Amino acid sequence: MNQNDGYYMIITESNSDIWGGRRSSCYRYQILCECHCYRPLLSAHIRAVIGQHPPKNKRPKEQGENRIKPTNKKVKPKIPKIKDRDSADSTPKTQSIMIQVMDKGRFQKPAATLSLTAGQTVELRCKGGKIGWSYPAYLDTFKDSRLSVKQHERYGQLTLVNSTSADTGEFSCWAQLCNGYICRRDEAKTGSTYIFFTEKGELFVPSPSYFDVVYLNPDREAVVPCRVTVLSAKVTLHREFPAKEIPANGTDIVYDMKRGFVYLQPHADQQGVVYCKAEAGGRSQISVKYQLLYAEVPSGPPSATIVASSTKVRGGDDVSVVCTVLGEPAVEVEFRWIFPGQQDERPVTIQDTWRLIHRGLGHTTRISQSVITVEDFETIDVGYYICTAQNPQGQTTVATTVEFS
């Protein structure tokens, strides 16, 4: 400390050291510094406040002298970690937009599966200005008035009243991205829940018939739809003759509570009549029976043929042209005809039929036919008869000619 005009100065060597070599005013300590006798007291007081010890005597550094002593210590440079944003952003995060409306105006996000008592009202909402919905086909097939789907300004709403065990199934929604009248599903904004509607005396979801047919195709899975209404139910699969349980071993057959028993790789040996048995809460129930038929025809556009009852017809005679398709048992086929007298509105008769046929080794095939009949053949009827057969996989066109004899 140096004396300057009756006041004491604190010398600092750097901004971080209170005891260094830069001059700063001591007016804040004026009262303590006015008398020379307070030098020791002031020094002790400042040290106590700052909590530092007085500096040791050091050689004063020359001007321009480096204050940091060089060392030979090697410092490993730190390489900043760069997050791979591309990989993180490549997969969009799925955001659940579904909520369930509870009693007294409460809301909650529904779980993946819900178990409700039949008769309860279900209200689901999904956030978005344009929402698409999916729900059990049973409700759509019969145009059930118990179901209401509405679109509000900021959310979509699905309400089901007087629920029954037949309503058990998946309820899902998704936001739609629209450009004019063309809309597509936004996979990043979806919601779904599977609801079990439990009803006394019903362990299985009711079937509209007492006997159903399941086709075993070699190129895809087959499902025996034994779905239950109780989440905890134990379900087994059985063959009617010879009577035995068919194990769901996870290799050939697996059980999915949302679908039923799934045949992963169907083959002809699995044909026959089967049924399911459910047990829950000390009760048991048998499902409807299912006839498993093996279908040999692979999936694809129709395989069509066309033939006329006669290619040369005399005037006044009748003629028929038959268009035939062999295909999968469960796949419907639609027929369209183009014929010579069509533009002149020539009256003809067209009849479509189908039936199942067995073609060796128990293979089952669907035969679909369309027959066009022309009565009192005349000049206007001469020409090409063109048949187009169409199924969900595509269409096939075949043609034949009919002439005067």
Protein backbone atom coordinates (compact mmCIF):
# COMPACT_ATOMS: atom_id res chain seq x y z
CA MET A 1 0.00 0.00 0.00
CA ASN A 2 1.29 3.51 -0.87
CA GLN A 3 0.31 6.81 0.60
CA ASN A 4 -1.07 9.49 -1.71
CA ASP A 5 -2.36 12.85 -0.40
CA GLY A 6 -3.32 11.46 2.98
CA TYR A 7 -5.24 8.57 1.51
CA TYR A 8 -4.12 5.02 0.98
CA MET A 9 -4.05 3.35 -2.45
CA ILE A 10 -4.54 -0.38 -3.18
CA ILE A 11 -2.09 -1.62 -5.84
CA THR A 12 -3.16 -4.59 -8.02
CA GLU A 13 -1.14 -6.53 -10.61
CA SER A 14 -4.12 -7.78 -12.58
CA ASN A 15 -7.88 -7.49 -12.70
CA SER A 16 -8.25 -10.75 -10.83
CA ASP A 17 -5.71 -10.08 -8.04
CA ILE A 18 -6.61 -7.49 -5.38
CA TRP A 19 -2.97 -7.26 -4.47
CA GLY A 20 -1.43 -6.38 -7.86
CA GLY A 21 0.00 -3.28 -9.58
CA ARG A 22 -2.81 -1.02 -10.89
CA ARG A 23 -3.82 2.11 -9.11
CA SER A 24 -7.39 2.42 -7.87
CA SER A 25 -8.99 5.01 -5.65
CA CYS A 26 -9.48 4.30 -1.99
CA TYR A 27 -12.26 6.75 -1.36
CA ARG A 28 -14.47 3.95 -0.07
CA TYR A 29 -11.94 3.40 2.68
CA GLN A 30 -11.46 7.11 3.38
CA ILE A 31 -12.59 6.99 6.97
CA LEU A 32 -10.23 4.14 7.77
CA CYS A 33 -7.32 5.55 5.80
CA GLU A 34 -7.13 9.16 7.01
CA CYS A 35 -4.73 8.37 9.84
CA HIS A 36 -1.36 6.66 9.45
CA CYS A 37 -2.07 4.67 12.56
CA TYR A 38 -4.80 2.71 10.84
CA ARG A 39 -2.47 1.12 8.29
CA PRO A 40 -2.24 -2.28 10.01
CA LEU A 41 -5.96 -2.24 10.85
CA LEU A 42 -6.93 -1.44 7.28
CA SER A 43 -4.64 -4.09 5.86
CA ALA A 44 -5.98 -6.76 8.21
CA HIS A 45 -9.57 -5.69 7.61
CA ILE A 46 -9.32 -5.95 3.82
CA ARG A 47 -7.59 -9.31 4.04
CA ALA A 48 -10.30 -10.64 6.32
CA VAL A 49 -13.05 -9.45 3.99
CA ILE A 50 -11.43 -10.85 0.85
CA GLY A 51 -10.20 -14.03 2.49
CA GLN A 52 -6.80 -13.94 0.85
CA HIS A 53 -3.30 -13.93 2.23
CA PRO A 54 -0.89 -11.09 1.52
CA PRO A 55 1.31 -11.70 -1.48
CA LYS A 56 4.82 -12.91 -1.11
CA ASN A 57 7.65 -10.66 -2.19
CA LYS A 58 8.20 -11.22 -5.88
CA ARG A 59 10.58 -9.70 -8.37
CA PRO A 60 8.74 -6.97 -10.23
CA LYS A 61 8.10 -8.01 -13.81
CA GLU A 62 9.63 -6.03 -16.61
CA GLN A 63 7.35 -4.33 -19.10
CA GLY A 64 6.27 -6.73 -21.81
CA GLU A 65 7.39 -9.78 -19.85
CA ASN A 66 5.11 -12.76 -20.31
CA ARG A 67 3.22 -13.34 -17.11
CA ILE A 68 2.44 -16.98 -17.95
CA LYS A 69 5.36 -19.35 -17.72
CA PRO A 70 5.67 -21.55 -20.78
CA THR A 71 5.37 -25.27 -20.15
CA ASN A 72 6.07 -28.34 -22.24
CA LYS A 73 2.79 -29.99 -21.24
CA LYS A 74 0.97 -31.39 -24.25
CA VAL A 75 -2.72 -30.54 -24.39
CA LYS A 76 -4.98 -32.84 -26.33
CA PRO A 77 -7.35 -30.73 -28.38
CA LYS A 78 -11.05 -31.34 -27.69
CA ILE A 79 -13.05 -32.19 -30.76
CA PRO A 80 -16.66 -31.03 -30.38
CA LYS A 81 -19.20 -33.78 -30.83
CA ILE A 82 -21.49 -33.19 -33.75
CA LYS A 83 -24.96 -34.71 -33.47
CA ASP A 84 -26.14 -36.59 -36.48
CA ARG A 85 -29.27 -34.61 -37.11
CA ASP A 86 -29.98 -36.27 -40.40
CA SER A 87 -30.28 -39.72 -38.84
CA ALA A 88 -32.40 -38.38 -36.00
CA ASP A 89 -34.72 -36.48 -38.28
CA SER A 90 -34.99 -39.17 -40.95
CA THR A 91 -37.66 -41.04 -38.96
CA PRO A 92 -40.60 -38.77 -38.08
CA LYS A 93 -41.88 -39.02 -34.54
CA THR A 94 -45.42 -40.35 -34.27
CA GLN A 95 -47.67 -38.10 -32.24
CA SER A 96 -50.82 -39.58 -30.70
CA ILE A 97 -53.73 -37.25 -31.37
CA MET A 98 -56.50 -39.34 -29.75
CA ILE A 99 -58.16 -38.64 -26.41
CA GLN A 100 -61.07 -40.32 -24.65
CA VAL A 101 -63.86 -38.26 -23.11
CA MET A 102 -64.59 -39.51 -19.61
CA ASP A 103 -67.38 -38.74 -17.12
CA LYS A 104 -67.86 -35.17 -15.88
CA GLY A 105 -65.95 -33.64 -18.75
CA ARG A 106 -62.62 -35.29 -17.96
CA PHE A 107 -60.19 -36.31 -20.71
CA GLN A 108 -57.45 -38.93 -20.91
CA LYS A 109 -55.27 -40.56 -23.54
CA PRO A 110 -56.63 -44.07 -24.14
CA ALA A 111 -54.39 -47.07 -23.56
CA ALA A 112 -53.50 -49.48 -26.35
CA THR A 113 -56.33 -51.72 -25.13
CA LEU A 114 -59.47 -50.80 -23.18
CA SER A 115 -61.97 -53.08 -21.47
CA LEU A 116 -65.48 -51.60 -21.16
CA THR A 117 -68.84 -53.02 -20.18
CA ALA A 118 -71.35 -53.40 -23.01
CA GLY A 119 -73.92 -50.61 -22.91
CA GLN A 120 -71.42 -47.87 -22.14
CA THR A 121 -71.10 -44.83 -24.39
CA VAL A 122 -67.72 -44.27 -25.98
CA GLU A 123 -66.58 -40.85 -27.15
CA LEU A 124 -63.21 -40.41 -28.83
CA ARG A 125 -61.71 -37.20 -30.15
CA CYS A 126 -58.73 -36.62 -32.41
CA LYS A 127 -57.05 -33.24 -32.80
CA GLY A 128 -57.04 -31.78 -36.30
CA GLY A 129 -59.07 -29.82 -38.82
CA LYS A 130 -59.61 -32.88 -41.05
CA ILE A 131 -59.63 -36.33 -39.42
CA GLY A 132 -60.04 -39.80 -40.94
CA TRP A 133 -61.51 -42.69 -38.90
CA SER A 134 -61.42 -46.47 -38.89
CA TYR A 135 -63.62 -48.71 -36.74
CA PRO A 136 -64.97 -52.30 -36.76
CA ALA A 137 -66.44 -53.18 -40.16
CA TYR A 138 -69.53 -54.51 -38.40
CA LEU A 139 -70.63 -50.93 -37.70
CA ASP A 140 -70.22 -49.93 -41.34
CA THR A 141 -71.80 -53.02 -42.86
CA PHE A 142 -75.15 -52.42 -41.22
CA LYS A 143 -74.99 -48.59 -41.30
CA ASP A 144 -75.51 -48.60 -37.56
CA SER A 145 -77.28 -45.50 -36.24
CA ARG A 146 -75.58 -45.95 -32.85
CA LEU A 147 -72.36 -44.66 -34.41
CA SER A 148 -71.82 -40.95 -35.03
CA VAL A 149 -68.74 -39.41 -36.68
CA LYS A 150 -68.47 -35.62 -36.83
CA GLN A 151 -65.80 -33.12 -37.85
CA HIS A 152 -65.53 -29.96 -35.78
CA GLU A 153 -63.32 -26.95 -36.43
CA ARG A 154 -60.38 -28.18 -34.35
CA TYR A 155 -61.06 -31.90 -33.80
CA GLY A 156 -62.85 -34.97 -35.10
CA GLN A 157 -65.37 -36.77 -32.88
CA LEU A 158 -66.53 -40.41 -32.83
CA THR A 159 -69.40 -41.40 -30.54
CA LEU A 160 -70.81 -44.91 -30.04
CA VAL A 161 -73.89 -45.37 -27.84
CA ASN A 162 -75.48 -48.57 -26.50
CA SER A 163 -72.33 -50.56 -27.23
CA THR A 164 -72.47 -54.36 -27.56
CA SER A 165 -69.91 -57.17 -27.62
CA ALA A 166 -70.14 -57.17 -31.43
CA ASP A 167 -68.52 -53.70 -31.41
CA THR A 168 -65.23 -55.12 -30.06
CA GLY A 169 -62.34 -54.07 -32.25
CA GLU A 170 -59.84 -51.41 -33.28
CA PHE A 171 -60.80 -47.73 -33.28
CA SER A 172 -58.23 -45.47 -34.94
CA CYS A 173 -57.89 -41.99 -36.39
CA TRP A 174 -55.36 -39.98 -38.37
CA ALA A 175 -54.84 -36.41 -39.52
CA GLN A 176 -55.24 -35.76 -43.24
CA LEU A 177 -52.98 -33.54 -45.35
CA CYS A 178 -55.03 -32.06 -48.16
CA ASN A 179 -54.14 -30.23 -51.34
CA GLY A 180 -57.45 -29.12 -52.74
CA TYR A 181 -59.68 -32.19 -52.97
CA ILE A 182 -56.76 -34.65 -52.78
CA CYS A 183 -55.93 -35.81 -49.26
CA ARG A 184 -53.38 -38.22 -47.87
CA ARG A 185 -52.82 -39.72 -44.44
CA ASP A 186 -50.35 -38.01 -42.10
CA GLU A 187 -48.48 -40.95 -40.57
CA ALA A 188 -46.89 -38.68 -37.93
CA LYS A 189 -50.27 -37.80 -36.38
CA THR A 190 -52.36 -40.86 -35.58
CA GLY A 191 -54.14 -42.47 -32.65
CA SER A 192 -55.67 -45.88 -31.94
CA THR A 193 -57.08 -48.10 -29.24
CA TYR A 194 -58.52 -51.63 -29.23
CA ILE A 195 -61.71 -51.84 -27.15
CA PHE A 196 -63.07 -55.04 -25.58
CA PHE A 197 -66.81 -54.72 -24.88
CA THR A 198 -67.58 -57.39 -22.28
CA GLU A 199 -71.12 -58.74 -22.19
CA LYS A 200 -72.64 -61.41 -19.97
CA GLY A 201 -72.73 -64.77 -21.72
CA GLU A 202 -70.54 -63.64 -24.65
CA LEU A 203 -66.87 -64.60 -24.58
CA PHE A 204 -66.52 -64.47 -28.36
CA VAL A 205 -67.29 -61.54 -30.64
CA PRO A 206 -70.61 -62.59 -32.22
CA SER A 207 -70.50 -63.83 -35.82
CA PRO A 208 -73.25 -63.01 -38.36
CA SER A 209 -73.46 -66.72 -39.32
CA TYR A 210 -73.20 -70.10 -37.61
CA PHE A 211 -70.75 -71.46 -40.17
CA ASP A 212 -68.01 -69.63 -42.05
CA VAL A 213 -65.43 -70.47 -44.72
CA VAL A 214 -61.73 -69.64 -44.48
CA TYR A 215 -59.58 -70.09 -47.56
CA LEU A 216 -56.01 -71.29 -47.20
CA ASN A 217 -53.88 -69.64 -49.88
CA PRO A 218 -50.29 -70.87 -50.23
CA ASP A 219 -48.92 -67.38 -50.80
CA ARG A 220 -50.37 -65.52 -47.81
CA GLU A 221 -51.64 -65.82 -44.23
CA ALA A 222 -55.07 -67.19 -43.38
CA VAL A 223 -57.03 -66.13 -40.28
CA VAL A 224 -59.61 -68.02 -38.24
CA PRO A 225 -61.33 -64.98 -36.67
CA CYS A 226 -61.87 -66.26 -33.10
CA ARG A 227 -61.81 -62.89 -31.32
CA VAL A 228 -62.82 -62.61 -27.67
CA THR A 229 -64.51 -59.88 -25.64
CA VAL A 230 -62.51 -60.55 -22.46
CA LEU A 231 -58.83 -59.61 -22.49
CA SER A 232 -57.86 -62.32 -19.99
CA ALA A 233 -59.66 -65.17 -21.79
CA LYS A 234 -57.69 -68.29 -22.67
CA VAL A 235 -58.41 -69.36 -26.26
CA THR A 236 -57.60 -72.69 -27.93
CA LEU A 237 -58.14 -74.04 -31.46
CA HIS A 238 -59.70 -77.45 -32.12
CA ARG A 239 -60.30 -79.75 -35.08
CA GLU A 240 -63.77 -81.28 -35.30
CA PHE A 241 -62.71 -84.57 -36.93
CA PRO A 242 -60.60 -86.25 -35.84
CA ALA A 243 -61.28 -84.43 -32.58
CA LYS A 244 -58.12 -82.86 -31.21
CA GLU A 245 -56.62 -79.56 -30.12
CA ILE A 246 -54.48 -77.76 -32.70
CA PRO A 247 -51.51 -76.18 -30.91
CA ALA A 248 -50.60 -72.56 -31.65
CA ASN A 249 -46.87 -73.27 -31.65
CA GLY A 250 -45.75 -69.87 -32.93
CA THR A 251 -44.21 -71.44 -36.04
CA ASP A 252 -47.15 -72.59 -38.17
CA ILE A 253 -49.99 -71.02 -36.18
CA VAL A 254 -50.04 -68.07 -33.77
CA TYR A 255 -52.84 -66.45 -31.78
CA ASP A 256 -53.43 -62.71 -32.09
CA MET A 257 -56.12 -61.37 -29.74
CA LYS A 258 -57.02 -58.68 -32.30
CA ARG A 259 -57.33 -61.08 -35.25
CA GLY A 260 -57.69 -64.67 -34.10
CA PHE A 261 -55.64 -67.76 -35.03
CA VAL A 262 -53.25 -66.92 -37.86
CA TYR A 263 -51.97 -69.65 -40.20
CA LEU A 264 -48.58 -68.30 -41.25
CA GLN A 265 -47.87 -70.71 -44.11
CA PRO A 266 -51.12 -72.47 -45.10
CA HIS A 267 -50.96 -75.88 -46.80
CA ALA A 268 -53.44 -78.52 -47.95
CA ASP A 269 -53.00 -80.73 -44.86
CA GLN A 270 -54.63 -78.04 -42.70
CA GLN A 271 -58.03 -78.37 -44.41
CA GLY A 272 -61.06 -79.40 -42.41
CA VAL A 273 -63.61 -78.05 -39.93
CA VAL A 274 -62.28 -76.22 -36.86
CA TYR A 275 -63.69 -74.25 -33.94
CA CYS A 276 -62.36 -72.26 -30.99
CA LYS A 277 -62.88 -72.60 -27.24
CA ALA A 278 -62.61 -69.71 -24.77
CA GLU A 279 -62.35 -69.88 -20.97
CA ALA A 280 -62.57 -66.94 -18.56
CA GLY A 281 -63.88 -66.44 -15.04
CA GLY A 282 -64.92 -70.05 -14.63
CA ARG A 283 -66.98 -69.96 -17.82
CA SER A 284 -66.30 -71.54 -21.21
CA GLN A 285 -67.78 -71.06 -24.66
CA ILE A 286 -67.48 -72.65 -28.11
CA SER A 287 -67.24 -70.46 -31.22
CA VAL A 288 -68.97 -70.97 -34.58
CA LYS A 289 -67.39 -73.54 -36.90
CA TYR A 290 -65.03 -72.68 -39.72
CA GLN A 291 -64.53 -74.72 -42.89
CA LEU A 292 -60.89 -74.45 -44.02
CA LEU A 293 -60.54 -74.87 -47.80
CA TYR A 294 -57.22 -74.93 -49.61
CA ALA A 295 -57.14 -72.68 -52.71
CA GLU A 296 -54.65 -73.64 -55.41
CA VAL A 297 -55.08 -70.56 -57.60
CA PRO A 298 -52.48 -67.86 -56.85
CA SER A 299 -53.52 -64.25 -56.50
CA GLY A 300 -53.40 -61.98 -59.55
CA PRO A 301 -55.55 -60.62 -62.39
CA PRO A 302 -58.31 -62.94 -63.66
CA SER A 303 -57.42 -65.86 -65.89
CA ALA A 304 -60.21 -65.60 -68.46
CA THR A 305 -61.35 -67.62 -71.48
CA ILE A 306 -64.13 -66.94 -73.99
CA VAL A 307 -66.07 -69.28 -76.25
CA ALA A 308 -69.17 -68.92 -78.42
CA SER A 309 -71.84 -71.59 -78.80
CA SER A 310 -71.18 -71.27 -82.52
CA THR A 311 -68.85 -68.99 -84.51
CA LYS A 312 -71.01 -69.26 -87.66
CA VAL A 313 -74.72 -68.59 -87.13
CA ARG A 314 -77.65 -68.62 -89.53
CA GLY A 315 -80.08 -65.72 -89.57
CA GLY A 316 -82.87 -66.05 -87.02
CA ASP A 317 -80.95 -68.47 -84.75
CA ASP A 318 -79.87 -67.81 -81.18
CA VAL A 319 -76.23 -67.58 -80.09
CA SER A 320 -74.51 -67.43 -76.68
CA VAL A 321 -70.98 -66.33 -75.79
CA VAL A 322 -69.52 -67.49 -72.45
CA CYS A 323 -66.70 -65.70 -70.58
CA THR A 324 -65.17 -67.89 -67.81
CA VAL A 325 -62.71 -67.07 -65.00
CA LEU A 326 -61.01 -69.52 -62.61
CA GLY A 327 -59.80 -67.71 -59.52
CA GLU A 328 -59.48 -67.49 -55.76
CA PRO A 329 -62.53 -68.68 -53.80
CA ALA A 330 -63.07 -65.43 -51.91
CA VAL A 331 -62.31 -62.99 -54.75
CA GLU A 332 -65.26 -61.62 -56.69
CA VAL A 333 -65.03 -61.00 -60.43
CA GLU A 334 -66.89 -58.32 -62.40
CA PHE A 335 -67.65 -58.66 -66.12
CA ARG A 336 -68.16 -56.04 -68.85
CA TRP A 337 -69.22 -56.68 -72.46
CA ILE A 338 -68.76 -54.92 -75.77
CA PHE A 339 -70.79 -56.40 -78.66
CA PRO A 340 -71.61 -55.41 -82.28
CA GLY A 341 -75.19 -54.19 -81.83
CA GLN A 342 -74.45 -52.19 -78.65
CA GLN A 343 -74.50 -48.73 -80.24
CA ASP A 344 -77.83 -49.50 -81.89
CA GLU A 345 -79.22 -50.65 -78.51
CA ARG A 346 -79.66 -54.22 -79.71
CA PRO A 347 -81.50 -56.15 -76.94
CA VAL A 348 -79.38 -58.93 -75.40
CA THR A 349 -79.47 -61.00 -72.20
CA ILE A 350 -76.45 -61.06 -69.83
CA GLN A 351 -76.30 -63.41 -66.84
CA ASP A 352 -73.42 -63.66 -64.29
CA THR A 353 -72.94 -66.66 -61.97
CA TRP A 354 -70.25 -68.24 -59.77
CA ARG A 355 -69.69 -71.43 -57.76
CA LEU A 356 -66.91 -73.28 -55.93
CA ILE A 357 -65.41 -76.37 -57.50
CA HIS A 358 -62.96 -78.96 -56.15
CA ARG A 359 -60.08 -79.90 -58.40
CA GLY A 360 -58.14 -82.82 -56.98
CA LEU A 361 -56.24 -83.08 -53.67
CA GLY A 362 -59.01 -81.07 -52.04
CA HIS A 363 -58.04 -77.86 -53.84
CA THR A 364 -60.88 -75.35 -54.11
CA THR A 365 -61.36 -72.88 -56.96
CA ARG A 366 -64.00 -70.29 -57.72
CA ILE A 367 -65.45 -70.44 -61.21
CA SER A 368 -67.12 -67.22 -62.36
CA GLN A 369 -69.02 -66.98 -65.64
CA SER A 370 -70.80 -64.32 -67.67
CA VAL A 371 -73.06 -65.37 -70.56
CA ILE A 372 -74.34 -62.99 -73.23
CA THR A 373 -77.22 -64.32 -75.37
CA VAL A 374 -78.43 -62.88 -78.68
CA GLU A 375 -81.79 -64.06 -79.98
CA ASP A 376 -82.89 -63.96 -83.62
CA PHE A 377 -79.39 -63.40 -85.02
CA GLU A 378 -79.20 -60.84 -87.85
CA THR A 379 -76.63 -58.77 -89.77
CA ILE A 380 -76.21 -56.20 -87.00
CA ASP A 381 -74.98 -58.97 -84.66
CA VAL A 382 -71.99 -59.99 -86.78
CA GLY A 383 -68.57 -59.04 -85.38
CA TYR A 384 -66.42 -59.12 -82.23
CA TYR A 385 -67.78 -60.04 -78.79
CA ILE A 386 -65.36 -58.64 -76.19
CA CYS A 387 -65.38 -59.64 -72.50
CA THR A 388 -63.42 -57.82 -69.76
CA ALA A 389 -63.06 -59.59 -66.40
CA GLN A 390 -61.82 -57.58 -63.42
CA ASN A 391 -60.85 -58.31 -59.81
CA PRO A 392 -58.95 -56.22 -57.19
CA GLN A 393 -55.58 -57.32 -58.67
CA GLY A 394 -56.32 -56.23 -62.25
CA GLN A 395 -58.30 -57.03 -65.37
CA THR A 396 -58.13 -59.32 -68.42
CA THR A 397 -59.81 -58.83 -71.81
CA VAL A 398 -60.65 -61.65 -74.24
CA ALA A 399 -62.61 -61.65 -77.50
CA THR A 400 -64.15 -63.90 -80.16
CA THR A 401 -65.97 -63.35 -83.46
CA VAL A 402 -69.37 -64.52 -84.62
CA GLU A 403 -70.28 -64.55 -88.32
CA PHE A 404 -73.07 -65.59 -90.65
CA SER A 405 -72.83 -69.17 -91.79
